[in-house]
Amino acid sequence: MQSALSNLSVTIVVAVADRFSCTPKTLDEILNRAAEYPFDLIFVDGSSPQHIQKYLDEKVGKNQLKVIRSEHYLSPSQSRNMGAAMAESEYILFIDNDVFVEDGWLKALVQCAKETDADVITPLVCIGEPIGETIHLAGGETHIEMNDLAEGEKNARKLYVKHHFANQPLKKAKEKLKRQSCSLVDLHCVLVKKQVFEAVDGFDESLLNTREHVDFCLRVQERGFSIYCEPDSVVTYVPGEFPNALEWSDIPYFSLRWSDSWEKKSLNRFIEKWDLAEDNYFRMRFKKLGQYRKDALLKPIFLKLRKYRMSKIEKPLAKLESFLNNYFYNNGKAV
């Protein structure tokens, strides 16, 4: 099979998702578990801490790794676009630096691309630890549908999004999984034809921290390109949580990445771009701006406080964190 696939070239672009600290483990796994298939490797470094920069500098020259470095923090979409601009291959594999891969993951994606001539291919994406046990999505569906207007609504255009097999144990769902076309991928890991990526104008950099994957898939569908899910390729996205998988040096970027400012701008941009009704989903997102940030940073602290019967200070701490986040990141820029 290797000889049959050898004429399909791939560039792996690694972008920082939520945190820097998991970079060494992710890159080491990619280098170790993709050796079966030739590839170029680009890491986009948006002002990582010194110890991560040192690790990257040591890797360059010893492996097929190239590093694009920015002196400023970058959104994931900015990073992916910067990496894609350097790619000269037929396919670009976008993967986040908090995604861990399993043996055969790249070869299975390439094989699907070759056999189906798909334009966009997602692996089976799991979530959390233990690695490879709980499904995040095995492809999915997204489209814009026209609904009946509810009282007070002026727009009937609503977004439909569904993850296939979400939160199901992989062991139980494995027999049901098969290669098939779909309309939704996540950007934790996705293989894209370079000419298709260019045809849809890449990733929308105005979407700073949410709905980037849905926007990309809607534009792919608009142009009539095909999307497939290949469950023989398995990767796992591991969210960060303080203080275990989220280090002190990660917090400034993480706080910007999931700032109220970035989330609000992203949601407004997505609604305006696709002329959508502000339905219950969006109303709840605006009401709970920064919830992912708060879950990762504050909930672990609150659990410890409850052990010492100090739960009364949870609300003041949450208000203080929101105030500080808005103070430092109100313009969407790190100080």
C-alpha atoms as a PDB file:
ATOM      1  CA  MET A   1       0.000   0.000   0.000  1.00  0.00           C
ATOM      2  CA  GLN A   2       2.897   2.350   0.729  1.00  0.00           C
ATOM      3  CA  SER A   3       4.010   2.469  -2.896  1.00  0.00           C
ATOM      4  CA  ALA A   4       0.454   3.121  -4.065  1.00  0.00           C
ATOM      5  CA  LEU A   5       0.179   6.093  -1.731  1.00  0.00           C
ATOM      6  CA  SER A   6       3.658   7.505  -2.047  1.00  0.00           C
ATOM      7  CA  ASN A   7       2.731  10.076  -4.709  1.00  0.00           C
ATOM      8  CA  LEU A   8       0.377  11.933  -2.358  1.00  0.00           C
ATOM      9  CA  SER A   9       2.305  14.594  -0.430  1.00  0.00           C
ATOM     10  CA  VAL A  10       1.310  15.899   2.997  1.00  0.00           C
ATOM     11  CA  THR A  11       2.367  18.868   5.116  1.00  0.00           C
ATOM     12  CA  ILE A  12       1.442  18.678   8.794  1.00  0.00           C
ATOM     13  CA  VAL A  13       0.714  22.109  10.275  1.00  0.00           C
ATOM     14  CA  VAL A  14       0.649  22.195  14.075  1.00  0.00           C
ATOM     15  CA  ALA A  15      -1.104  25.163  15.693  1.00  0.00           C
ATOM     16  CA  VAL A  16      -1.276  26.134  19.355  1.00  0.00           C
ATOM     17  CA  ALA A  17      -4.828  25.557  20.514  1.00  0.00           C
ATOM     18  CA  ASP A  18      -5.304  26.468  24.180  1.00  0.00           C
ATOM     19  CA  ARG A  19      -1.897  26.035  25.828  1.00  0.00           C
ATOM     20  CA  PHE A  20       1.793  25.725  25.075  1.00  0.00           C
ATOM     21  CA  SER A  21       2.854  23.155  27.666  1.00  0.00           C
ATOM     22  CA  CYS A  22       1.686  20.044  25.813  1.00  0.00           C
ATOM     23  CA  THR A  23       3.720  20.905  22.680  1.00  0.00           C
ATOM     24  CA  PRO A  24       6.719  18.596  23.321  1.00  0.00           C
ATOM     25  CA  LYS A  25       4.605  15.499  23.919  1.00  0.00           C
ATOM     26  CA  THR A  26       2.371  16.143  20.902  1.00  0.00           C
ATOM     27  CA  LEU A  27       5.248  16.812  18.510  1.00  0.00           C
ATOM     28  CA  ASP A  28       7.186  13.789  19.755  1.00  0.00           C
ATOM     29  CA  GLU A  29       4.151  11.581  19.144  1.00  0.00           C
ATOM     30  CA  ILE A  30       3.637  12.976  15.649  1.00  0.00           C
ATOM     31  CA  LEU A  31       7.287  12.396  14.784  1.00  0.00           C
ATOM     32  CA  ASN A  32       7.235   8.872  16.228  1.00  0.00           C
ATOM     33  CA  ARG A  33       3.842   7.723  14.946  1.00  0.00           C
ATOM     34  CA  ALA A  34       3.840   9.141  11.429  1.00  0.00           C
ATOM     35  CA  ALA A  35       7.164   7.671  10.322  1.00  0.00           C
ATOM     36  CA  GLU A  36       5.313   5.161   8.118  1.00  0.00           C
ATOM     37  CA  TYR A  37       4.365   7.936   5.689  1.00  0.00           C
ATOM     38  CA  PRO A  38       6.526  10.824   4.414  1.00  0.00           C
ATOM     39  CA  PHE A  39       5.502  14.322   5.452  1.00  0.00           C
ATOM     40  CA  ASP A  40       6.739  17.851   6.064  1.00  0.00           C
ATOM     41  CA  LEU A  41       6.129  19.310   9.511  1.00  0.00           C
ATOM     42  CA  ILE A  42       5.495  22.969  10.351  1.00  0.00           C
ATOM     43  CA  PHE A  43       4.939  24.288  13.877  1.00  0.00           C
ATOM     44  CA  VAL A  44       3.516  27.794  14.212  1.00  0.00           C
ATOM     45  CA  ASP A  45       4.859  29.307  17.414  1.00  0.00           C
ATOM     46  CA  GLY A  46       2.853  32.279  18.640  1.00  0.00           C
ATOM     47  CA  SER A  47       5.127  33.656  21.354  1.00  0.00           C
ATOM     48  CA  SER A  48       5.492  30.494  23.414  1.00  0.00           C
ATOM     49  CA  PRO A  49       7.352  30.492  26.767  1.00  0.00           C
ATOM     50  CA  GLN A  50      11.149  30.228  26.661  1.00  0.00           C
ATOM     51  CA  HIS A  51      11.298  26.543  27.648  1.00  0.00           C
ATOM     52  CA  ILE A  52       8.995  25.632  24.724  1.00  0.00           C
ATOM     53  CA  GLN A  53      11.034  27.765  22.327  1.00  0.00           C
ATOM     54  CA  LYS A  54      14.173  25.981  23.527  1.00  0.00           C
ATOM     55  CA  TYR A  55      12.576  22.585  22.871  1.00  0.00           C
ATOM     56  CA  LEU A  56      11.555  23.671  19.355  1.00  0.00           C
ATOM     57  CA  ASP A  57      15.014  25.043  18.573  1.00  0.00           C
ATOM     58  CA  GLU A  58      16.557  21.736  19.605  1.00  0.00           C
ATOM     59  CA  LYS A  59      14.182  19.807  17.351  1.00  0.00           C
ATOM     60  CA  VAL A  60      14.850  21.938  14.273  1.00  0.00           C
ATOM     61  CA  GLY A  61      17.745  20.425  12.351  1.00  0.00           C
ATOM     62  CA  LYS A  62      17.373  16.985  13.912  1.00  0.00           C
ATOM     63  CA  ASN A  63      13.964  16.299  12.341  1.00  0.00           C
ATOM     64  CA  GLN A  64      11.886  17.474   9.378  1.00  0.00           C
ATOM     65  CA  LEU A  65      10.480  20.251  11.577  1.00  0.00           C
ATOM     66  CA  LYS A  66      10.178  23.873  10.463  1.00  0.00           C
ATOM     67  CA  VAL A  67       9.135  26.590  12.917  1.00  0.00           C
ATOM     68  CA  ILE A  68       7.294  29.800  12.053  1.00  0.00           C
ATOM     69  CA  ARG A  69       7.671  32.176  14.970  1.00  0.00           C
ATOM     70  CA  SER A  70       5.620  35.231  15.918  1.00  0.00           C
ATOM     71  CA  GLU A  71       6.459  37.683  18.683  1.00  0.00           C
ATOM     72  CA  HIS A  72       2.756  37.990  19.470  1.00  0.00           C
ATOM     73  CA  TYR A  73       0.020  35.592  20.500  1.00  0.00           C
ATOM     74  CA  LEU A  74      -1.932  34.163  17.578  1.00  0.00           C
ATOM     75  CA  SER A  75      -5.426  32.787  17.331  1.00  0.00           C
ATOM     76  CA  PRO A  76      -5.578  29.171  16.078  1.00  0.00           C
ATOM     77  CA  SER A  77      -7.006  30.339  12.729  1.00  0.00           C
ATOM     78  CA  GLN A  78      -4.143  32.789  12.274  1.00  0.00           C
ATOM     79  CA  SER A  79      -1.646  30.031  13.047  1.00  0.00           C
ATOM     80  CA  ARG A  80      -3.239  27.571  10.642  1.00  0.00           C
ATOM     81  CA  ASN A  81      -3.302  30.098   7.816  1.00  0.00           C
ATOM     82  CA  MET A  82       0.341  31.029   8.404  1.00  0.00           C
ATOM     83  CA  GLY A  83       1.362  27.374   8.305  1.00  0.00           C
ATOM     84  CA  ALA A  84      -0.727  26.650   5.212  1.00  0.00           C
ATOM     85  CA  ALA A  85       0.947  29.524   3.351  1.00  0.00           C
ATOM     86  CA  MET A  86       4.262  27.677   3.713  1.00  0.00           C
ATOM     87  CA  ALA A  87       2.930  24.303   2.536  1.00  0.00           C
ATOM     88  CA  GLU A  88       3.836  23.100  -0.963  1.00  0.00           C
ATOM     89  CA  SER A  89       2.163  19.693  -0.779  1.00  0.00           C
ATOM     90  CA  GLU A  90      -1.048  18.362  -2.290  1.00  0.00           C
ATOM     91  CA  TYR A  91      -2.655  17.956   1.138  1.00  0.00           C
ATOM     92  CA  ILE A  92      -2.359  19.895   4.399  1.00  0.00           C
ATOM     93  CA  LEU A  93      -2.978  18.130   7.697  1.00  0.00           C
ATOM     94  CA  PHE A  94      -4.023  20.624  10.375  1.00  0.00           C
ATOM     95  CA  ILE A  95      -3.596  19.397  13.939  1.00  0.00           C
ATOM     96  CA  ASP A  96      -3.652  21.191  17.286  1.00  0.00           C
ATOM     97  CA  ASN A  97      -0.840  20.921  19.785  1.00  0.00           C
ATOM     98  CA  ASP A  98      -3.112  19.312  22.393  1.00  0.00           C
ATOM     99  CA  VAL A  99      -4.044  16.361  20.170  1.00  0.00           C
ATOM    100  CA  PHE A 100      -2.431  12.959  20.644  1.00  0.00           C
ATOM    101  CA  VAL A 101      -2.262  10.488  17.778  1.00  0.00           C
ATOM    102  CA  GLU A 102      -2.413   6.705  17.558  1.00  0.00           C
ATOM    103  CA  ASP A 103      -0.416   4.338  15.371  1.00  0.00           C
ATOM    104  CA  GLY A 104      -1.475   4.410  11.719  1.00  0.00           C
ATOM    105  CA  TRP A 105      -3.444   7.648  12.055  1.00  0.00           C
ATOM    106  CA  LEU A 106      -1.783   9.478   9.162  1.00  0.00           C
ATOM    107  CA  LYS A 107      -1.623   6.538   6.781  1.00  0.00           C
ATOM    108  CA  ALA A 108      -5.346   5.856   7.275  1.00  0.00           C
ATOM    109  CA  LEU A 109      -6.215   9.472   6.413  1.00  0.00           C
ATOM    110  CA  VAL A 110      -4.031   9.398   3.305  1.00  0.00           C
ATOM    111  CA  GLN A 111      -5.542   6.089   2.234  1.00  0.00           C
ATOM    112  CA  CYS A 112      -9.057   7.546   2.567  1.00  0.00           C
ATOM    113  CA  ALA A 113      -7.990  10.576   0.531  1.00  0.00           C
ATOM    114  CA  LYS A 114      -6.579   8.380  -2.209  1.00  0.00           C
ATOM    115  CA  GLU A 115      -9.484   5.932  -2.393  1.00  0.00           C
ATOM    116  CA  THR A 116     -12.335   8.471  -2.170  1.00  0.00           C
ATOM    117  CA  ASP A 117     -10.692  11.558  -3.685  1.00  0.00           C
ATOM    118  CA  ALA A 118     -12.241  13.412  -0.745  1.00  0.00           C
ATOM    119  CA  ASP A 119     -11.484  17.100  -0.377  1.00  0.00           C
ATOM    120  CA  VAL A 120     -11.640  17.185   3.431  1.00  0.00           C
ATOM    121  CA  ILE A 121     -11.119  14.190   5.748  1.00  0.00           C
ATOM    122  CA  THR A 122     -11.570  14.005   9.503  1.00  0.00           C
ATOM    123  CA  PRO A 123     -10.255  11.207  11.690  1.00  0.00           C
ATOM    124  CA  LEU A 124     -12.237   9.781  14.576  1.00  0.00           C
ATOM    125  CA  VAL A 125     -11.615  12.379  17.282  1.00  0.00           C
ATOM    126  CA  CYS A 126     -11.733  11.276  20.913  1.00  0.00           C
ATOM    127  CA  ILE A 127     -11.650  13.576  23.929  1.00  0.00           C
ATOM    128  CA  GLY A 128      -9.983  13.544  27.318  1.00  0.00           C
ATOM    129  CA  GLU A 129      -8.090  10.962  29.267  1.00  0.00           C
ATOM    130  CA  PRO A 130      -7.647   8.001  29.211  1.00  0.00           C
ATOM    131  CA  ILE A 131      -6.533   8.546  25.615  1.00  0.00           C
ATOM    132  CA  GLY A 132      -8.679   7.027  22.872  1.00  0.00           C
ATOM    133  CA  GLU A 133     -11.656   5.944  24.987  1.00  0.00           C
ATOM    134  CA  THR A 134     -14.423   8.570  24.622  1.00  0.00           C
ATOM    135  CA  ILE A 135     -15.596   9.857  21.229  1.00  0.00           C
ATOM    136  CA  HIS A 136     -15.735  13.602  20.647  1.00  0.00           C
ATOM    137  CA  LEU A 137     -17.013  13.178  17.087  1.00  0.00           C
ATOM    138  CA  ALA A 138     -16.864  10.721  14.215  1.00  0.00           C
ATOM    139  CA  GLY A 139     -17.768  13.308  11.642  1.00  0.00           C
ATOM    140  CA  GLY A 140     -21.077  15.085  11.914  1.00  0.00           C
ATOM    141  CA  GLU A 141     -23.660  17.277  10.251  1.00  0.00           C
ATOM    142  CA  THR A 142     -24.077  21.022   9.883  1.00  0.00           C
ATOM    143  CA  HIS A 143     -26.245  23.232   7.722  1.00  0.00           C
ATOM    144  CA  ILE A 144     -28.413  26.315   7.912  1.00  0.00           C
ATOM    145  CA  GLU A 145     -32.119  25.612   7.990  1.00  0.00           C
ATOM    146  CA  MET A 146     -35.210  27.787   7.736  1.00  0.00           C
ATOM    147  CA  ASN A 147     -37.419  27.458  10.822  1.00  0.00           C
ATOM    148  CA  ASP A 148     -40.771  28.958  11.672  1.00  0.00           C
ATOM    149  CA  LEU A 149     -40.358  32.367  13.270  1.00  0.00           C
ATOM    150  CA  ALA A 150     -40.845  32.370  17.015  1.00  0.00           C
ATOM    151  CA  GLU A 151     -42.545  35.292  18.725  1.00  0.00           C
ATOM    152  CA  GLY A 152     -40.319  38.347  18.604  1.00  0.00           C
ATOM    153  CA  GLU A 153     -37.889  36.824  16.084  1.00  0.00           C
ATOM    154  CA  LYS A 154     -37.153  38.517  12.764  1.00  0.00           C
ATOM    155  CA  ASN A 155     -34.863  35.893  11.225  1.00  0.00           C
ATOM    156  CA  ALA A 156     -35.738  32.275  10.445  1.00  0.00           C
ATOM    157  CA  ARG A 157     -32.191  31.178   9.522  1.00  0.00           C
ATOM    158  CA  LYS A 158     -30.873  28.838  12.222  1.00  0.00           C
ATOM    159  CA  LEU A 159     -27.751  26.768  12.494  1.00  0.00           C
ATOM    160  CA  TYR A 160     -27.914  22.989  12.812  1.00  0.00           C
ATOM    161  CA  VAL A 161     -24.887  21.181  14.234  1.00  0.00           C
ATOM    162  CA  LYS A 162     -24.620  17.544  15.270  1.00  0.00           C
ATOM    163  CA  HIS A 163     -21.602  15.464  16.303  1.00  0.00           C
ATOM    164  CA  HIS A 164     -21.887  11.791  15.379  1.00  0.00           C
ATOM    165  CA  PHE A 165     -21.357   9.396  18.317  1.00  0.00           C
ATOM    166  CA  ALA A 166     -20.532  12.268  20.692  1.00  0.00           C
ATOM    167  CA  ASN A 167     -19.508  11.170  24.221  1.00  0.00           C
ATOM    168  CA  GLN A 168     -19.959   7.475  23.436  1.00  0.00           C
ATOM    169  CA  PRO A 169     -17.332   4.945  24.581  1.00  0.00           C
ATOM    170  CA  LEU A 170     -15.216   3.977  21.574  1.00  0.00           C
ATOM    171  CA  LYS A 171     -15.301   0.290  22.489  1.00  0.00           C
ATOM    172  CA  LYS A 172     -19.097   0.167  22.344  1.00  0.00           C
ATOM    173  CA  ALA A 173     -19.433   2.230  19.174  1.00  0.00           C
ATOM    174  CA  LYS A 174     -16.547   0.700  17.238  1.00  0.00           C
ATOM    175  CA  GLU A 175     -18.606  -1.849  15.300  1.00  0.00           C
ATOM    176  CA  LYS A 176     -20.966   0.894  14.073  1.00  0.00           C
ATOM    177  CA  LEU A 177     -18.189   3.130  12.793  1.00  0.00           C
ATOM    178  CA  LYS A 178     -17.370   3.127   9.098  1.00  0.00           C
ATOM    179  CA  ARG A 179     -15.854   5.422   6.508  1.00  0.00           C
ATOM    180  CA  GLN A 180     -18.591   7.699   5.227  1.00  0.00           C
ATOM    181  CA  SER A 181     -19.327  11.135   3.867  1.00  0.00           C
ATOM    182  CA  CYS A 182     -20.406  13.823   6.324  1.00  0.00           C
ATOM    183  CA  SER A 183     -20.743  17.597   6.508  1.00  0.00           C
ATOM    184  CA  LEU A 184     -18.949  18.482   9.752  1.00  0.00           C
ATOM    185  CA  VAL A 185     -15.351  18.168  10.903  1.00  0.00           C
ATOM    186  CA  ASP A 186     -13.577  19.649  13.894  1.00  0.00           C
ATOM    187  CA  LEU A 187     -10.308  21.496  13.476  1.00  0.00           C
ATOM    188  CA  HIS A 188      -8.522  19.555  16.196  1.00  0.00           C
ATOM    189  CA  CYS A 189      -7.294  17.401  13.306  1.00  0.00           C
ATOM    190  CA  VAL A 190      -8.316  17.500   9.647  1.00  0.00           C
ATOM    191  CA  LEU A 191      -6.752  16.682   6.268  1.00  0.00           C
ATOM    192  CA  VAL A 192      -7.537  19.160   3.471  1.00  0.00           C
ATOM    193  CA  LYS A 193      -6.593  19.395  -0.194  1.00  0.00           C
ATOM    194  CA  LYS A 194      -4.439  22.492  -0.557  1.00  0.00           C
ATOM    195  CA  GLN A 195      -6.347  23.664  -3.644  1.00  0.00           C
ATOM    196  CA  VAL A 196      -9.633  23.312  -1.738  1.00  0.00           C
ATOM    197  CA  PHE A 197      -8.234  25.223   1.230  1.00  0.00           C
ATOM    198  CA  GLU A 198      -7.232  28.041  -1.123  1.00  0.00           C
ATOM    199  CA  ALA A 199     -10.568  27.929  -2.969  1.00  0.00           C
ATOM    200  CA  VAL A 200     -12.508  28.613   0.255  1.00  0.00           C
ATOM    201  CA  ASP A 201      -9.998  31.313   1.313  1.00  0.00           C
ATOM    202  CA  GLY A 202      -8.625  29.408   4.285  1.00  0.00           C
ATOM    203  CA  PHE A 203      -9.862  29.930   7.825  1.00  0.00           C
ATOM    204  CA  ASP A 204     -11.727  33.092   8.793  1.00  0.00           C
ATOM    205  CA  GLU A 205      -9.375  34.939  11.154  1.00  0.00           C
ATOM    206  CA  SER A 206     -12.264  37.036  12.478  1.00  0.00           C
ATOM    207  CA  LEU A 207     -13.470  33.904  14.257  1.00  0.00           C
ATOM    208  CA  LEU A 208     -11.030  34.008  17.131  1.00  0.00           C
ATOM    209  CA  ASN A 209     -12.165  31.198  19.395  1.00  0.00           C
ATOM    210  CA  THR A 210     -15.441  29.582  18.356  1.00  0.00           C
ATOM    211  CA  ARG A 211     -17.445  28.326  15.334  1.00  0.00           C
ATOM    212  CA  GLU A 212     -14.307  28.273  13.150  1.00  0.00           C
ATOM    213  CA  HIS A 213     -14.897  24.648  12.180  1.00  0.00           C
ATOM    214  CA  VAL A 214     -18.581  25.196  11.364  1.00  0.00           C
ATOM    215  CA  ASP A 215     -17.771  28.241   9.239  1.00  0.00           C
ATOM    216  CA  PHE A 216     -15.133  26.271   7.331  1.00  0.00           C
ATOM    217  CA  CYS A 217     -17.494  23.349   6.709  1.00  0.00           C
ATOM    218  CA  LEU A 218     -20.317  25.612   5.510  1.00  0.00           C
ATOM    219  CA  ARG A 219     -17.971  27.238   2.993  1.00  0.00           C
ATOM    220  CA  VAL A 220     -16.707  23.834   1.844  1.00  0.00           C
ATOM    221  CA  GLN A 221     -20.313  22.744   1.271  1.00  0.00           C
ATOM    222  CA  GLU A 222     -21.156  25.953  -0.588  1.00  0.00           C
ATOM    223  CA  ARG A 223     -18.455  25.158  -3.129  1.00  0.00           C
ATOM    224  CA  GLY A 224     -19.602  21.558  -3.560  1.00  0.00           C
ATOM    225  CA  PHE A 225     -16.500  19.917  -2.077  1.00  0.00           C
ATOM    226  CA  SER A 226     -16.693  16.531  -0.355  1.00  0.00           C
ATOM    227  CA  ILE A 227     -16.080  15.701   3.319  1.00  0.00           C
ATOM    228  CA  TYR A 228     -15.365  12.231   4.719  1.00  0.00           C
ATOM    229  CA  CYS A 229     -14.803  10.692   8.124  1.00  0.00           C
ATOM    230  CA  GLU A 230     -12.160   7.942   8.391  1.00  0.00           C
ATOM    231  CA  PRO A 231     -12.616   6.072  11.716  1.00  0.00           C
ATOM    232  CA  ASP A 232      -9.508   3.927  11.158  1.00  0.00           C
ATOM    233  CA  SER A 233      -7.564   7.082  11.978  1.00  0.00           C
ATOM    234  CA  VAL A 234      -7.870   7.838  15.708  1.00  0.00           C
ATOM    235  CA  VAL A 235      -6.654  10.929  17.548  1.00  0.00           C
ATOM    236  CA  THR A 236      -7.520  12.360  20.974  1.00  0.00           C
ATOM    237  CA  TYR A 237      -8.027  15.970  21.982  1.00  0.00           C
ATOM    238  CA  VAL A 238      -7.093  16.599  25.628  1.00  0.00           C
ATOM    239  CA  PRO A 239      -8.460  19.845  27.106  1.00  0.00           C
ATOM    240  CA  GLY A 240      -6.315  21.698  29.618  1.00  0.00           C
ATOM    241  CA  GLU A 241      -7.282  22.173  33.236  1.00  0.00           C
ATOM    242  CA  PHE A 242      -5.414  24.085  35.914  1.00  0.00           C
ATOM    243  CA  PRO A 243      -3.114  23.134  37.617  1.00  0.00           C
ATOM    244  CA  ASN A 244      -2.617  19.647  36.134  1.00  0.00           C
ATOM    245  CA  ALA A 245      -2.662  20.032  32.339  1.00  0.00           C
ATOM    246  CA  LEU A 246      -2.547  23.835  32.335  1.00  0.00           C
ATOM    247  CA  GLU A 247       0.681  25.347  33.623  1.00  0.00           C
ATOM    248  CA  TRP A 248       1.228  28.841  35.034  1.00  0.00           C
ATOM    249  CA  SER A 249       3.031  29.870  31.844  1.00  0.00           C
ATOM    250  CA  ASP A 250      -0.059  28.890  29.821  1.00  0.00           C
ATOM    251  CA  ILE A 251      -2.468  31.153  31.678  1.00  0.00           C
ATOM    252  CA  PRO A 252      -1.842  34.513  29.895  1.00  0.00           C
ATOM    253  CA  TYR A 253      -2.480  33.017  26.446  1.00  0.00           C
ATOM    254  CA  PHE A 254      -5.297  30.768  27.654  1.00  0.00           C
ATOM    255  CA  SER A 255      -7.023  33.775  29.249  1.00  0.00           C
ATOM    256  CA  LEU A 256      -6.816  35.682  25.967  1.00  0.00           C
ATOM    257  CA  ARG A 257      -7.803  32.685  23.834  1.00  0.00           C
ATOM    258  CA  TRP A 258     -10.986  32.211  25.873  1.00  0.00           C
ATOM    259  CA  SER A 259     -11.512  35.847  26.845  1.00  0.00           C
ATOM    260  CA  ASP A 260     -14.984  37.345  26.895  1.00  0.00           C
ATOM    261  CA  SER A 261     -13.764  39.782  24.230  1.00  0.00           C
ATOM    262  CA  TRP A 262     -12.632  37.134  21.745  1.00  0.00           C
ATOM    263  CA  GLU A 263     -15.729  35.015  22.295  1.00  0.00           C
ATOM    264  CA  LYS A 264     -18.127  37.926  21.859  1.00  0.00           C
ATOM    265  CA  LYS A 265     -16.385  39.101  18.688  1.00  0.00           C
ATOM    266  CA  SER A 266     -16.407  35.574  17.254  1.00  0.00           C
ATOM    267  CA  LEU A 267     -20.089  34.963  17.953  1.00  0.00           C
ATOM    268  CA  ASN A 268     -21.132  38.337  16.504  1.00  0.00           C
ATOM    269  CA  ARG A 269     -19.003  37.753  13.411  1.00  0.00           C
ATOM    270  CA  PHE A 270     -20.479  34.288  12.835  1.00  0.00           C
ATOM    271  CA  ILE A 271     -24.085  35.450  13.271  1.00  0.00           C
ATOM    272  CA  GLU A 272     -23.585  38.408  10.939  1.00  0.00           C
ATOM    273  CA  LYS A 273     -21.642  36.432   8.340  1.00  0.00           C
ATOM    274  CA  TRP A 274     -24.280  33.743   7.977  1.00  0.00           C
ATOM    275  CA  ASP A 275     -27.287  36.021   8.659  1.00  0.00           C
ATOM    276  CA  LEU A 276     -28.491  33.848  11.537  1.00  0.00           C
ATOM    277  CA  ALA A 277     -31.192  34.285  14.134  1.00  0.00           C
ATOM    278  CA  GLU A 278     -29.873  34.819  17.646  1.00  0.00           C
ATOM    279  CA  ASP A 279     -31.571  31.683  18.967  1.00  0.00           C
ATOM    280  CA  ASN A 280     -31.325  29.959  22.348  1.00  0.00           C
ATOM    281  CA  TYR A 281     -27.864  28.592  21.593  1.00  0.00           C
ATOM    282  CA  PHE A 282     -26.379  32.010  20.875  1.00  0.00           C
ATOM    283  CA  ARG A 283     -28.307  33.706  23.678  1.00  0.00           C
ATOM    284  CA  MET A 284     -26.867  31.195  26.133  1.00  0.00           C
ATOM    285  CA  ARG A 285     -23.345  31.666  24.763  1.00  0.00           C
ATOM    286  CA  PHE A 286     -23.581  35.442  25.206  1.00  0.00           C
ATOM    287  CA  LYS A 287     -25.016  34.974  28.695  1.00  0.00           C
ATOM    288  CA  LYS A 288     -22.148  32.675  29.700  1.00  0.00           C
ATOM    289  CA  LEU A 289     -19.195  34.337  28.027  1.00  0.00           C
ATOM    290  CA  GLY A 290     -15.905  32.790  29.080  1.00  0.00           C
ATOM    291  CA  GLN A 291     -17.492  29.662  30.545  1.00  0.00           C
ATOM    292  CA  TYR A 292     -14.803  27.363  29.127  1.00  0.00           C
ATOM    293  CA  ARG A 293     -12.114  29.569  30.661  1.00  0.00           C
ATOM    294  CA  LYS A 294     -13.871  29.602  34.005  1.00  0.00           C
ATOM    295  CA  ASP A 295     -14.343  25.827  33.979  1.00  0.00           C
ATOM    296  CA  ALA A 296     -10.657  25.239  33.306  1.00  0.00           C
ATOM    297  CA  LEU A 297      -9.245  27.853  35.674  1.00  0.00           C
ATOM    298  CA  LEU A 298     -11.731  28.304  38.493  1.00  0.00           C
ATOM    299  CA  LYS A 299     -13.591  25.015  38.972  1.00  0.00           C
ATOM    300  CA  PRO A 300     -10.478  23.103  40.123  1.00  0.00           C
ATOM    301  CA  ILE A 301      -9.829  25.871  42.667  1.00  0.00           C
ATOM    302  CA  PHE A 302     -13.455  25.845  43.833  1.00  0.00           C
ATOM    303  CA  LEU A 303     -13.344  22.086  44.417  1.00  0.00           C
ATOM    304  CA  LYS A 304     -10.384  22.563  46.752  1.00  0.00           C
ATOM    305  CA  LEU A 305     -12.071  25.456  48.554  1.00  0.00           C
ATOM    306  CA  ARG A 306     -15.123  23.295  49.263  1.00  0.00           C
ATOM    307  CA  LYS A 307     -12.926  20.795  51.076  1.00  0.00           C
ATOM    308  CA  TYR A 308     -12.048  23.591  53.490  1.00  0.00           C
ATOM    309  CA  ARG A 309     -15.655  24.853  53.674  1.00  0.00           C
ATOM    310  CA  MET A 310     -14.736  28.074  51.905  1.00  0.00           C
ATOM    311  CA  SER A 311     -17.371  27.942  49.166  1.00  0.00           C
ATOM    312  CA  LYS A 312     -18.691  31.389  50.152  1.00  0.00           C
ATOM    313  CA  ILE A 313     -15.803  33.066  48.357  1.00  0.00           C
ATOM    314  CA  GLU A 314     -16.517  31.322  45.032  1.00  0.00           C
ATOM    315  CA  LYS A 315     -18.798  34.047  43.643  1.00  0.00           C
ATOM    316  CA  PRO A 316     -16.466  36.928  44.629  1.00  0.00           C
ATOM    317  CA  LEU A 317     -13.551  35.069  43.043  1.00  0.00           C
ATOM    318  CA  ALA A 318     -15.521  34.443  39.831  1.00  0.00           C
ATOM    319  CA  LYS A 319     -16.482  38.134  39.630  1.00  0.00           C
ATOM    320  CA  LEU A 320     -12.874  39.167  40.241  1.00  0.00           C
ATOM    321  CA  GLU A 321     -11.626  36.830  37.498  1.00  0.00           C
ATOM    322  CA  SER A 322     -14.184  38.202  35.016  1.00  0.00           C
ATOM    323  CA  PHE A 323     -13.258  41.780  35.931  1.00  0.00           C
ATOM    324  CA  LEU A 324      -9.544  41.092  35.454  1.00  0.00           C
ATOM    325  CA  ASN A 325     -10.123  39.271  32.166  1.00  0.00           C
ATOM    326  CA  ASN A 326     -12.123  42.175  30.764  1.00  0.00           C
ATOM    327  CA  TYR A 327      -9.612  44.685  32.103  1.00  0.00           C
ATOM    328  CA  PHE A 328      -6.580  43.011  30.522  1.00  0.00           C
ATOM    329  CA  TYR A 329      -8.181  41.607  27.347  1.00  0.00           C
ATOM    330  CA  ASN A 330     -11.026  43.990  26.561  1.00  0.00           C
ATOM    331  CA  ASN A 331      -9.487  44.846  23.188  1.00  0.00           C
ATOM    332  CA  GLY A 332      -8.602  41.247  22.441  1.00  0.00           C
ATOM    333  CA  LYS A 333      -4.890  41.911  22.849  1.00  0.00           C
ATOM    334  CA  ALA A 334      -2.458  40.756  25.506  1.00  0.00           C
ATOM    335  CA  VAL A 335      -0.757  43.481  27.526  1.00  0.00           C
END
